[in-house]
PDB file of all heavy atoms in Angstrom:
ATOM      1  N   GLY A   1    -201.801 -47.918 140.299  1.00  0.00           N
ATOM      2  CA  GLY A   1    -200.725 -47.327 139.528  1.00  0.00           C
ATOM      3  C   GLY A   1    -200.461 -45.896 139.944  1.00  0.00           C
ATOM      4  O   GLY A   1    -201.251 -45.265 140.640  1.00  0.00           O
ATOM      5  N   GLY A   2    -199.320 -45.390 139.502  1.00  0.00           N
ATOM      6  CA  GLY A   2    -198.956 -44.032 139.828  1.00  0.00           C
ATOM      7  C   GLY A   2    -197.504 -43.755 139.532  1.00  0.00           C
ATOM      8  O   GLY A   2    -196.836 -44.510 138.827  1.00  0.00           O
ATOM      9  N   LEU A   3    -197.022 -42.660 140.084  1.00  0.00           N
ATOM     10  CA  LEU A   3    -195.653 -42.214 139.908  1.00  0.00           C
ATOM     11  C   LEU A   3    -194.843 -42.550 141.154  1.00  0.00           C
ATOM     12  O   LEU A   3    -195.260 -42.236 142.274  1.00  0.00           O
ATOM     13  CB  LEU A   3    -195.617 -40.712 139.646  1.00  0.00           C
ATOM     14  CG  LEU A   3    -194.249 -40.050 139.528  1.00  0.00           C
ATOM     15  CD1 LEU A   3    -193.497 -40.602 138.326  1.00  0.00           C
ATOM     16  CD2 LEU A   3    -194.407 -38.542 139.428  1.00  0.00           C
ATOM     17  N   VAL A   4    -193.695 -43.167 140.949  1.00  0.00           N
ATOM     18  CA  VAL A   4    -192.844 -43.552 142.059  1.00  0.00           C
ATOM     19  C   VAL A   4    -191.388 -43.371 141.649  1.00  0.00           C
ATOM     20  O   VAL A   4    -191.044 -43.493 140.470  1.00  0.00           O
ATOM     21  CB  VAL A   4    -193.122 -45.013 142.490  1.00  0.00           C
ATOM     22  CG1 VAL A   4    -192.781 -45.981 141.370  1.00  0.00           C
ATOM     23  CG2 VAL A   4    -192.376 -45.365 143.760  1.00  0.00           C
ATOM     24  N   GLN A   5    -190.540 -43.070 142.606  1.00  0.00           N
ATOM     25  CA  GLN A   5    -189.118 -42.919 142.330  1.00  0.00           C
ATOM     26  C   GLN A   5    -188.437 -44.273 142.218  1.00  0.00           C
ATOM     27  O   GLN A   5    -188.882 -45.262 142.803  1.00  0.00           O
ATOM     28  CB  GLN A   5    -188.444 -42.093 143.423  1.00  0.00           C
ATOM     29  CG  GLN A   5    -188.863 -40.639 143.455  1.00  0.00           C
ATOM     30  CD  GLN A   5    -188.075 -39.835 144.472  1.00  0.00           C
ATOM     31  OE1 GLN A   5    -187.349 -40.387 145.295  1.00  0.00           O
ATOM     32  NE2 GLN A   5    -188.211 -38.523 144.411  1.00  0.00           N
ATOM     33  N   ALA A   6    -187.363 -44.304 141.448  1.00  0.00           N
ATOM     34  CA  ALA A   6    -186.580 -45.529 141.328  1.00  0.00           C
ATOM     35  C   ALA A   6    -186.162 -46.031 142.706  1.00  0.00           C
ATOM     36  O   ALA A   6    -185.760 -45.255 143.572  1.00  0.00           O
ATOM     37  CB  ALA A   6    -185.358 -45.286 140.455  1.00  0.00           C
ATOM     38  N   GLY A   7    -186.262 -47.337 142.883  1.00  0.00           N
ATOM     39  CA  GLY A   7    -185.960 -47.944 144.160  1.00  0.00           C
ATOM     40  C   GLY A   7    -187.156 -48.083 145.070  1.00  0.00           C
ATOM     41  O   GLY A   7    -187.082 -48.792 146.087  1.00  0.00           O
ATOM     42  N   GLY A   8    -188.238 -47.448 144.720  1.00  0.00           N
ATOM     43  CA  GLY A   8    -189.430 -47.496 145.528  1.00  0.00           C
ATOM     44  C   GLY A   8    -190.294 -48.699 145.240  1.00  0.00           C
ATOM     45  O   GLY A   8    -189.950 -49.569 144.439  1.00  0.00           O
ATOM     46  N   SER A   9    -191.441 -48.730 145.883  1.00  0.00           N
ATOM     47  CA  SER A   9    -192.370 -49.849 145.765  1.00  0.00           C
ATOM     48  C   SER A   9    -193.762 -49.356 145.422  1.00  0.00           C
ATOM     49  O   SER A   9    -194.131 -48.219 145.706  1.00  0.00           O
ATOM     50  CB  SER A   9    -192.427 -50.645 147.075  1.00  0.00           C
ATOM     51  OG  SER A   9    -191.177 -51.210 147.400  1.00  0.00           O
ATOM     52  N   LEU A  10    -194.508 -50.250 144.829  1.00  0.00           N
ATOM     53  CA  LEU A  10    -195.878 -49.963 144.458  1.00  0.00           C
ATOM     54  C   LEU A  10    -196.645 -51.271 144.435  1.00  0.00           C
ATOM     55  O   LEU A  10    -196.095 -52.313 144.056  1.00  0.00           O
ATOM     56  CB  LEU A  10    -195.925 -49.289 143.089  1.00  0.00           C
ATOM     57  CG  LEU A  10    -197.113 -48.395 142.731  1.00  0.00           C
ATOM     58  CD1 LEU A  10    -197.205 -47.217 143.693  1.00  0.00           C
ATOM     59  CD2 LEU A  10    -196.962 -47.891 141.302  1.00  0.00           C
ATOM     60  N   LYS A  11    -197.905 -51.217 144.814  1.00  0.00           N
ATOM     61  CA  LYS A  11    -198.739 -52.404 144.796  1.00  0.00           C
ATOM     62  C   LYS A  11    -199.940 -52.182 143.893  1.00  0.00           C
ATOM     63  O   LYS A  11    -200.709 -51.246 144.091  1.00  0.00           O
ATOM     64  CB  LYS A  11    -199.211 -52.763 146.202  1.00  0.00           C
ATOM     65  CG  LYS A  11    -199.990 -54.068 146.272  1.00  0.00           C
ATOM     66  CD  LYS A  11    -200.374 -54.409 147.702  1.00  0.00           C
ATOM     67  CE  LYS A  11    -201.126 -55.721 147.785  1.00  0.00           C
ATOM     68  NZ  LYS A  11    -201.489 -56.064 149.189  1.00  0.00           N
ATOM     69  N   LEU A  12    -200.076 -53.046 142.916  1.00  0.00           N
ATOM     70  CA  LEU A  12    -201.219 -53.024 142.023  1.00  0.00           C
ATOM     71  C   LEU A  12    -202.240 -54.061 142.462  1.00  0.00           C
ATOM     72  O   LEU A  12    -201.889 -55.101 143.014  1.00  0.00           O
ATOM     73  CB  LEU A  12    -200.800 -53.308 140.583  1.00  0.00           C
ATOM     74  CG  LEU A  12    -199.688 -52.444 139.994  1.00  0.00           C
ATOM     75  CD1 LEU A  12    -199.443 -52.841 138.548  1.00  0.00           C
ATOM     76  CD2 LEU A  12    -200.025 -50.969 140.114  1.00  0.00           C
ATOM     77  N   SER A  13    -203.487 -53.773 142.185  1.00  0.00           N
ATOM     78  CA  SER A  13    -204.549 -54.708 142.504  1.00  0.00           C
ATOM     79  C   SER A  13    -205.485 -54.831 141.311  1.00  0.00           C
ATOM     80  O   SER A  13    -205.701 -53.867 140.575  1.00  0.00           O
ATOM     81  CB  SER A  13    -205.320 -54.241 143.736  1.00  0.00           C
ATOM     82  OG  SER A  13    -206.296 -55.181 144.111  1.00  0.00           O
ATOM     83  N   CYS A  14    -206.018 -56.008 141.124  1.00  0.00           N
ATOM     84  CA  CYS A  14    -206.972 -56.274 140.051  1.00  0.00           C
ATOM     85  C   CYS A  14    -208.210 -56.911 140.659  1.00  0.00           C
ATOM     86  O   CYS A  14    -208.123 -57.980 141.276  1.00  0.00           O
ATOM     87  CB  CYS A  14    -206.356 -57.193 139.006  1.00  0.00           C
ATOM     88  SG  CYS A  14    -207.508 -57.774 137.738  1.00  0.00           S
ATOM     89  N   ALA A  15    -209.335 -56.258 140.484  1.00  0.00           N
ATOM     90  CA  ALA A  15    -210.609 -56.779 140.963  1.00  0.00           C
ATOM     91  C   ALA A  15    -211.349 -57.431 139.810  1.00  0.00           C
ATOM     92  O   ALA A  15    -211.570 -56.807 138.771  1.00  0.00           O
ATOM     93  CB  ALA A  15    -211.432 -55.661 141.573  1.00  0.00           C
ATOM     94  N   ALA A  16    -211.739 -58.672 139.991  1.00  0.00           N
ATOM     95  CA  ALA A  16    -212.422 -59.433 138.951  1.00  0.00           C
ATOM     96  C   ALA A  16    -213.893 -59.587 139.286  1.00  0.00           C
ATOM     97  O   ALA A  16    -214.274 -59.768 140.443  1.00  0.00           O
ATOM     98  CB  ALA A  16    -211.778 -60.805 138.786  1.00  0.00           C
ATOM     99  N   SER A  17    -214.712 -59.543 138.259  1.00  0.00           N
ATOM    100  CA  SER A  17    -216.140 -59.774 138.416  1.00  0.00           C
ATOM    101  C   SER A  17    -216.682 -60.421 137.147  1.00  0.00           C
ATOM    102  O   SER A  17    -216.041 -60.410 136.103  1.00  0.00           O
ATOM    103  CB  SER A  17    -216.886 -58.465 138.711  1.00  0.00           C
ATOM    104  OG  SER A  17    -216.733 -57.541 137.649  1.00  0.00           O
ATOM    105  N   GLY A  18    -217.869 -60.998 137.247  1.00  0.00           N
ATOM    106  CA  GLY A  18    -218.475 -61.635 136.098  1.00  0.00           C
ATOM    107  C   GLY A  18    -217.910 -63.001 135.771  1.00  0.00           C
ATOM    108  O   GLY A  18    -218.146 -63.521 134.670  1.00  0.00           O
ATOM    109  N   LEU A  19    -217.185 -63.576 136.691  1.00  0.00           N
ATOM    110  CA  LEU A  19    -216.616 -64.902 136.500  1.00  0.00           C
ATOM    111  C   LEU A  19    -216.546 -65.630 137.825  1.00  0.00           C
ATOM    112  O   LEU A  19    -216.640 -65.018 138.888  1.00  0.00           O
ATOM    113  CB  LEU A  19    -215.236 -64.821 135.840  1.00  0.00           C
ATOM    114  CG  LEU A  19    -214.193 -63.871 136.447  1.00  0.00           C
ATOM    115  CD1 LEU A  19    -213.641 -64.404 137.758  1.00  0.00           C
ATOM    116  CD2 LEU A  19    -213.056 -63.636 135.467  1.00  0.00           C
ATOM    117  N   THR A  20    -216.392 -66.937 137.723  1.00  0.00           N
ATOM    118  CA  THR A  20    -216.098 -67.725 138.914  1.00  0.00           C
ATOM    119  C   THR A  20    -214.592 -67.678 139.099  1.00  0.00           C
ATOM    120  O   THR A  20    -213.841 -68.371 138.415  1.00  0.00           O
ATOM    121  CB  THR A  20    -216.595 -69.163 138.760  1.00  0.00           C
ATOM    122  OG1 THR A  20    -218.009 -69.156 138.529  1.00  0.00           O
ATOM    123  CG2 THR A  20    -216.306 -69.961 140.024  1.00  0.00           C
ATOM    124  N   PHE A  21    -214.163 -66.856 140.007  1.00  0.00           N
ATOM    125  CA  PHE A  21    -212.761 -66.481 140.105  1.00  0.00           C
ATOM    126  C   PHE A  21    -211.835 -67.684 140.253  1.00  0.00           C
ATOM    127  O   PHE A  21    -210.753 -67.723 139.658  1.00  0.00           O
ATOM    128  CB  PHE A  21    -212.576 -65.506 141.267  1.00  0.00           C
ATOM    129  CG  PHE A  21    -211.213 -64.895 141.347  1.00  0.00           C
ATOM    130  CD1 PHE A  21    -210.783 -64.000 140.388  1.00  0.00           C
ATOM    131  CD2 PHE A  21    -210.362 -65.214 142.394  1.00  0.00           C
ATOM    132  CE1 PHE A  21    -209.525 -63.429 140.458  1.00  0.00           C
ATOM    133  CE2 PHE A  21    -209.101 -64.646 142.481  1.00  0.00           C
ATOM    134  CZ  PHE A  21    -208.684 -63.754 141.513  1.00  0.00           C
ATOM    135  N   THR A  22    -212.257 -68.663 141.021  1.00  0.00           N
ATOM    136  CA  THR A  22    -211.408 -69.822 141.271  1.00  0.00           C
ATOM    137  C   THR A  22    -211.239 -70.723 140.050  1.00  0.00           C
ATOM    138  O   THR A  22    -210.414 -71.638 140.077  1.00  0.00           O
ATOM    139  CB  THR A  22    -211.949 -70.655 142.441  1.00  0.00           C
ATOM    140  OG1 THR A  22    -213.325 -70.981 142.205  1.00  0.00           O
ATOM    141  CG2 THR A  22    -211.838 -69.884 143.749  1.00  0.00           C
ATOM    142  N   ASN A  23    -211.989 -70.486 138.990  1.00  0.00           N
ATOM    143  CA  ASN A  23    -211.842 -71.246 137.753  1.00  0.00           C
ATOM    144  C   ASN A  23    -210.840 -70.622 136.785  1.00  0.00           C
ATOM    145  O   ASN A  23    -210.636 -71.161 135.696  1.00  0.00           O
ATOM    146  CB  ASN A  23    -213.180 -71.389 137.039  1.00  0.00           C
ATOM    147  CG  ASN A  23    -214.080 -72.421 137.698  1.00  0.00           C
ATOM    148  OD1 ASN A  23    -213.612 -73.267 138.455  1.00  0.00           O
ATOM    149  ND2 ASN A  23    -215.366 -72.351 137.412  1.00  0.00           N
ATOM    150  N   TYR A  24    -210.232 -69.521 137.169  1.00  0.00           N
ATOM    151  CA  TYR A  24    -209.379 -68.777 136.250  1.00  0.00           C
ATOM    152  C   TYR A  24    -207.973 -68.596 136.783  1.00  0.00           C
ATOM    153  O   TYR A  24    -207.771 -68.228 137.942  1.00  0.00           O
ATOM    154  CB  TYR A  24    -209.983 -67.398 135.974  1.00  0.00           C
ATOM    155  CG  TYR A  24    -211.183 -67.437 135.072  1.00  0.00           C
ATOM    156  CD1 TYR A  24    -212.432 -67.799 135.561  1.00  0.00           C
ATOM    157  CD2 TYR A  24    -211.059 -67.124 133.722  1.00  0.00           C
ATOM    158  CE1 TYR A  24    -213.534 -67.849 134.718  1.00  0.00           C
ATOM    159  CE2 TYR A  24    -212.153 -67.164 132.883  1.00  0.00           C
ATOM    160  CZ  TYR A  24    -213.388 -67.522 133.388  1.00  0.00           C
ATOM    161  OH  TYR A  24    -214.472 -67.563 132.549  1.00  0.00           O
ATOM    162  N   ALA A  25    -207.018 -68.861 135.906  1.00  0.00           N
ATOM    163  CA  ALA A  25    -205.667 -68.404 136.161  1.00  0.00           C
ATOM    164  C   ALA A  25    -205.619 -66.896 135.942  1.00  0.00           C
ATOM    165  O   ALA A  25    -206.347 -66.353 135.110  1.00  0.00           O
ATOM    166  CB  ALA A  25    -204.677 -69.096 135.228  1.00  0.00           C
ATOM    167  N   MET A  26    -204.763 -66.230 136.681  1.00  0.00           N
ATOM    168  CA  MET A  26    -204.667 -64.776 136.601  1.00  0.00           C
ATOM    169  C   MET A  26    -203.238 -64.368 136.302  1.00  0.00           C
ATOM    170  O   MET A  26    -202.288 -65.034 136.716  1.00  0.00           O
ATOM    171  CB  MET A  26    -205.122 -64.129 137.907  1.00  0.00           C
ATOM    172  CG  MET A  26    -206.544 -64.471 138.325  1.00  0.00           C
ATOM    173  SD  MET A  26    -207.794 -63.876 137.146  1.00  0.00           S
ATOM    174  CE  MET A  26    -207.525 -62.096 137.217  1.00  0.00           C
ATOM    175  N   GLY A  27    -203.102 -63.259 135.609  1.00  0.00           N
ATOM    176  CA  GLY A  27    -201.774 -62.808 135.242  1.00  0.00           C
ATOM    177  C   GLY A  27    -201.663 -61.301 135.173  1.00  0.00           C
ATOM    178  O   GLY A  27    -202.663 -60.580 135.173  1.00  0.00           O
ATOM    179  N   TRP A  28    -200.420 -60.851 135.123  1.00  0.00           N
ATOM    180  CA  TRP A  28    -200.092 -59.442 134.927  1.00  0.00           C
ATOM    181  C   TRP A  28    -199.163 -59.306 133.730  1.00  0.00           C
ATOM    182  O   TRP A  28    -198.220 -60.091 133.567  1.00  0.00           O
ATOM    183  CB  TRP A  28    -199.415 -58.845 136.155  1.00  0.00           C
ATOM    184  CG  TRP A  28    -200.334 -58.588 137.309  1.00  0.00           C
ATOM    185  CD1 TRP A  28    -200.553 -59.401 138.377  1.00  0.00           C
ATOM    186  CD2 TRP A  28    -201.147 -57.429 137.509  1.00  0.00           C
ATOM    187  NE1 TRP A  28    -201.454 -58.824 139.238  1.00  0.00           N
ATOM    188  CE2 TRP A  28    -201.837 -57.612 138.728  1.00  0.00           C
ATOM    189  CE3 TRP A  28    -201.363 -56.259 136.787  1.00  0.00           C
ATOM    190  CZ2 TRP A  28    -202.726 -56.657 139.232  1.00  0.00           C
ATOM    191  CZ3 TRP A  28    -202.244 -55.321 137.285  1.00  0.00           C
ATOM    192  CH2 TRP A  28    -202.913 -55.523 138.495  1.00  0.00           C
ATOM    193  N   PHE A  29    -199.429 -58.302 132.929  1.00  0.00           N
ATOM    194  CA  PHE A  29    -198.611 -57.975 131.773  1.00  0.00           C
ATOM    195  C   PHE A  29    -198.364 -56.475 131.760  1.00  0.00           C
ATOM    196  O   PHE A  29    -199.057 -55.722 132.430  1.00  0.00           O
ATOM    197  CB  PHE A  29    -199.298 -58.410 130.474  1.00  0.00           C
ATOM    198  CG  PHE A  29    -199.502 -59.892 130.371  1.00  0.00           C
ATOM    199  CD1 PHE A  29    -200.525 -60.521 131.060  1.00  0.00           C
ATOM    200  CD2 PHE A  29    -198.662 -60.666 129.590  1.00  0.00           C
ATOM    201  CE1 PHE A  29    -200.718 -61.886 130.980  1.00  0.00           C
ATOM    202  CE2 PHE A  29    -198.842 -62.038 129.497  1.00  0.00           C
ATOM    203  CZ  PHE A  29    -199.866 -62.644 130.193  1.00  0.00           C
ATOM    204  N   ARG A  30    -197.389 -56.063 130.986  1.00  0.00           N
ATOM    205  CA  ARG A  30    -197.130 -54.635 130.870  1.00  0.00           C
ATOM    206  C   ARG A  30    -196.743 -54.288 129.449  1.00  0.00           C
ATOM    207  O   ARG A  30    -196.249 -55.121 128.689  1.00  0.00           O
ATOM    208  CB  ARG A  30    -196.040 -54.194 131.851  1.00  0.00           C
ATOM    209  CG  ARG A  30    -194.662 -54.775 131.571  1.00  0.00           C
ATOM    210  CD  ARG A  30    -193.705 -54.424 132.691  1.00  0.00           C
ATOM    211  NE  ARG A  30    -192.352 -54.877 132.421  1.00  0.00           N
ATOM    212  CZ  ARG A  30    -191.351 -54.792 133.277  1.00  0.00           C
ATOM    213  NH1 ARG A  30    -191.559 -54.261 134.493  1.00  0.00           N
ATOM    214  NH2 ARG A  30    -190.144 -55.227 132.952  1.00  0.00           N
ATOM    215  N   GLN A  31    -196.957 -53.037 129.118  1.00  0.00           N
ATOM    216  CA  GLN A  31    -196.625 -52.562 127.787  1.00  0.00           C
ATOM    217  C   GLN A  31    -196.118 -51.133 127.874  1.00  0.00           C
ATOM    218  O   GLN A  31    -196.825 -50.240 128.344  1.00  0.00           O
ATOM    219  CB  GLN A  31    -197.836 -52.639 126.856  1.00  0.00           C
ATOM    220  CG  GLN A  31    -197.511 -52.346 125.409  1.00  0.00           C
ATOM    221  CD  GLN A  31    -198.627 -52.761 124.477  1.00  0.00           C
ATOM    222  OE1 GLN A  31    -199.772 -52.920 124.889  1.00  0.00           O
ATOM    223  NE2 GLN A  31    -198.294 -52.953 123.217  1.00  0.00           N
ATOM    224  N   ALA A  32    -194.897 -50.950 127.430  1.00  0.00           N
ATOM    225  CA  ALA A  32    -194.287 -49.635 127.376  1.00  0.00           C
ATOM    226  C   ALA A  32    -194.482 -49.047 125.980  1.00  0.00           C
ATOM    227  O   ALA A  32    -194.686 -49.785 125.012  1.00  0.00           O
ATOM    228  CB  ALA A  32    -192.807 -49.721 127.711  1.00  0.00           C
ATOM    229  N   PRO A  33    -194.410 -47.732 125.851  1.00  0.00           N
ATOM    230  CA  PRO A  33    -194.573 -47.110 124.534  1.00  0.00           C
ATOM    231  C   PRO A  33    -193.591 -47.670 123.516  1.00  0.00           C
ATOM    232  O   PRO A  33    -192.395 -47.782 123.783  1.00  0.00           O
ATOM    233  CB  PRO A  33    -194.304 -45.635 124.813  1.00  0.00           C
ATOM    234  CG  PRO A  33    -194.659 -45.454 126.252  1.00  0.00           C
ATOM    235  CD  PRO A  33    -194.239 -46.733 126.916  1.00  0.00           C
ATOM    236  N   GLY A  34    -194.109 -48.042 122.356  1.00  0.00           N
ATOM    237  CA  GLY A  34    -193.273 -48.559 121.297  1.00  0.00           C
ATOM    238  C   GLY A  34    -192.834 -49.996 121.458  1.00  0.00           C
ATOM    239  O   GLY A  34    -192.074 -50.498 120.615  1.00  0.00           O
ATOM    240  N   LYS A  35    -193.285 -50.669 122.491  1.00  0.00           N
ATOM    241  CA  LYS A  35    -192.895 -52.048 122.738  1.00  0.00           C
ATOM    242  C   LYS A  35    -194.124 -52.954 122.772  1.00  0.00           C
ATOM    243  O   LYS A  35    -195.246 -52.496 122.966  1.00  0.00           O
ATOM    244  CB  LYS A  35    -192.124 -52.176 124.051  1.00  0.00           C
ATOM    245  CG  LYS A  35    -190.837 -51.374 124.102  1.00  0.00           C
ATOM    246  CD  LYS A  35    -190.065 -51.642 125.382  1.00  0.00           C
ATOM    247  CE  LYS A  35    -189.553 -53.070 125.432  1.00  0.00           C
ATOM    248  NZ  LYS A  35    -188.728 -53.316 126.651  1.00  0.00           N
ATOM    249  N   GLU A  36    -193.875 -54.231 122.590  1.00  0.00           N
ATOM    250  CA  GLU A  36    -194.949 -55.201 122.653  1.00  0.00           C
ATOM    251  C   GLU A  36    -195.294 -55.528 124.095  1.00  0.00           C
ATOM    252  O   GLU A  36    -194.496 -55.317 125.010  1.00  0.00           O
ATOM    253  CB  GLU A  36    -194.568 -56.467 121.893  1.00  0.00           C
ATOM    254  CG  GLU A  36    -194.251 -56.226 120.437  1.00  0.00           C
ATOM    255  CD  GLU A  36    -194.587 -57.414 119.563  1.00  0.00           C
ATOM    256  OE1 GLU A  36    -194.887 -58.495 120.107  1.00  0.00           O
ATOM    257  OE2 GLU A  36    -194.564 -57.257 118.344  1.00  0.00           O
ATOM    258  N   ARG A  37    -196.485 -56.038 124.282  1.00  0.00           N
ATOM    259  CA  ARG A  37    -196.920 -56.413 125.608  1.00  0.00           C
ATOM    260  C   ARG A  37    -196.045 -57.542 126.145  1.00  0.00           C
ATOM    261  O   ARG A  37    -195.750 -58.511 125.447  1.00  0.00           O
ATOM    262  CB  ARG A  37    -198.389 -56.830 125.592  1.00  0.00           C
ATOM    263  CG  ARG A  37    -199.018 -56.911 126.973  1.00  0.00           C
ATOM    264  CD  ARG A  37    -200.540 -56.873 126.883  1.00  0.00           C
ATOM    265  NE  ARG A  37    -201.022 -55.613 126.321  1.00  0.00           N
ATOM    266  CZ  ARG A  37    -202.303 -55.256 126.271  1.00  0.00           C
ATOM    267  NH1 ARG A  37    -203.234 -56.071 126.749  1.00  0.00           N
ATOM    268  NH2 ARG A  37    -202.646 -54.104 125.739  1.00  0.00           N
ATOM    269  N   GLU A  38    -195.647 -57.419 127.404  1.00  0.00           N
ATOM    270  CA  GLU A  38    -194.670 -58.297 128.016  1.00  0.00           C
ATOM    271  C   GLU A  38    -195.268 -59.036 129.212  1.00  0.00           C
ATOM    272  O   GLU A  38    -195.969 -58.443 130.035  1.00  0.00           O
ATOM    273  CB  GLU A  38    -193.452 -57.481 128.467  1.00  0.00           C
ATOM    274  CG  GLU A  38    -192.401 -58.256 129.235  1.00  0.00           C
ATOM    275  CD  GLU A  38    -191.346 -57.353 129.847  1.00  0.00           C
ATOM    276  OE1 GLU A  38    -191.596 -56.127 129.959  1.00  0.00           O
ATOM    277  OE2 GLU A  38    -190.264 -57.856 130.204  1.00  0.00           O
ATOM    278  N   PHE A  39    -194.960 -60.310 129.310  1.00  0.00           N
ATOM    279  CA  PHE A  39    -195.387 -61.108 130.453  1.00  0.00           C
ATOM    280  C   PHE A  39    -194.654 -60.677 131.711  1.00  0.00           C
ATOM    281  O   PHE A  39    -193.434 -60.515 131.710  1.00  0.00           O
ATOM    282  CB  PHE A  39    -195.119 -62.586 130.185  1.00  0.00           C
ATOM    283  CG  PHE A  39    -195.350 -63.466 131.379  1.00  0.00           C
ATOM    284  CD1 PHE A  39    -196.635 -63.759 131.806  1.00  0.00           C
ATOM    285  CD2 PHE A  39    -194.283 -64.005 132.075  1.00  0.00           C
ATOM    286  CE1 PHE A  39    -196.860 -64.566 132.904  1.00  0.00           C
ATOM    287  CE2 PHE A  39    -194.492 -64.815 133.178  1.00  0.00           C
ATOM    288  CZ  PHE A  39    -195.785 -65.099 133.593  1.00  0.00           C
ATOM    289  N   VAL A  40    -195.394 -60.515 132.789  1.00  0.00           N
ATOM    290  CA  VAL A  40    -194.819 -60.116 134.067  1.00  0.00           C
ATOM    291  C   VAL A  40    -194.919 -61.234 135.092  1.00  0.00           C
ATOM    292  O   VAL A  40    -193.927 -61.635 135.690  1.00  0.00           O
ATOM    293  CB  VAL A  40    -195.497 -58.846 134.611  1.00  0.00           C
ATOM    294  CG1 VAL A  40    -194.993 -58.520 136.012  1.00  0.00           C
ATOM    295  CG2 VAL A  40    -195.252 -57.671 133.676  1.00  0.00           C
ATOM    296  N   ALA A  41    -196.118 -61.742 135.313  1.00  0.00           N
ATOM    297  CA  ALA A  41    -196.324 -62.763 136.328  1.00  0.00           C
ATOM    298  C   ALA A  41    -197.673 -63.428 136.116  1.00  0.00           C
ATOM    299  O   ALA A  41    -198.581 -62.852 135.519  1.00  0.00           O
ATOM    300  CB  ALA A  41    -196.249 -62.164 137.735  1.00  0.00           C
ATOM    301  N   ALA A  42    -197.800 -64.645 136.619  1.00  0.00           N
ATOM    302  CA  ALA A  42    -199.069 -65.352 136.556  1.00  0.00           C
ATOM    303  C   ALA A  42    -199.177 -66.318 137.725  1.00  0.00           C
ATOM    304  O   ALA A  42    -198.166 -66.749 138.286  1.00  0.00           O
ATOM    305  CB  ALA A  42    -199.216 -66.104 135.232  1.00  0.00           C
ATOM    306  N   VAL A  43    -200.401 -66.660 138.061  1.00  0.00           N
ATOM    307  CA  VAL A  43    -200.666 -67.555 139.171  1.00  0.00           C
ATOM    308  C   VAL A  43    -201.814 -68.481 138.803  1.00  0.00           C
ATOM    309  O   VAL A  43    -202.783 -68.071 138.158  1.00  0.00           O
ATOM    310  CB  VAL A  43    -200.967 -66.754 140.461  1.00  0.00           C
ATOM    311  CG1 VAL A  43    -202.157 -65.817 140.270  1.00  0.00           C
ATOM    312  CG2 VAL A  43    -201.205 -67.680 141.644  1.00  0.00           C
TER     313      VAL A  43
END
C-alpha cells in the first residue's frame, strides 16, 4: 500500500502462513472511512 496519483498503478501482496494455502479461497476487500467493508476480488 501507499500513496499514488490518479491513473497510476499499485500492486498489493498478501502473505499467508499457519494454513495449508491450497485449501483456502483468498480474497481482497476494502473499507473507506465511514463506509462498510466492500468486496473487491476473490480467487
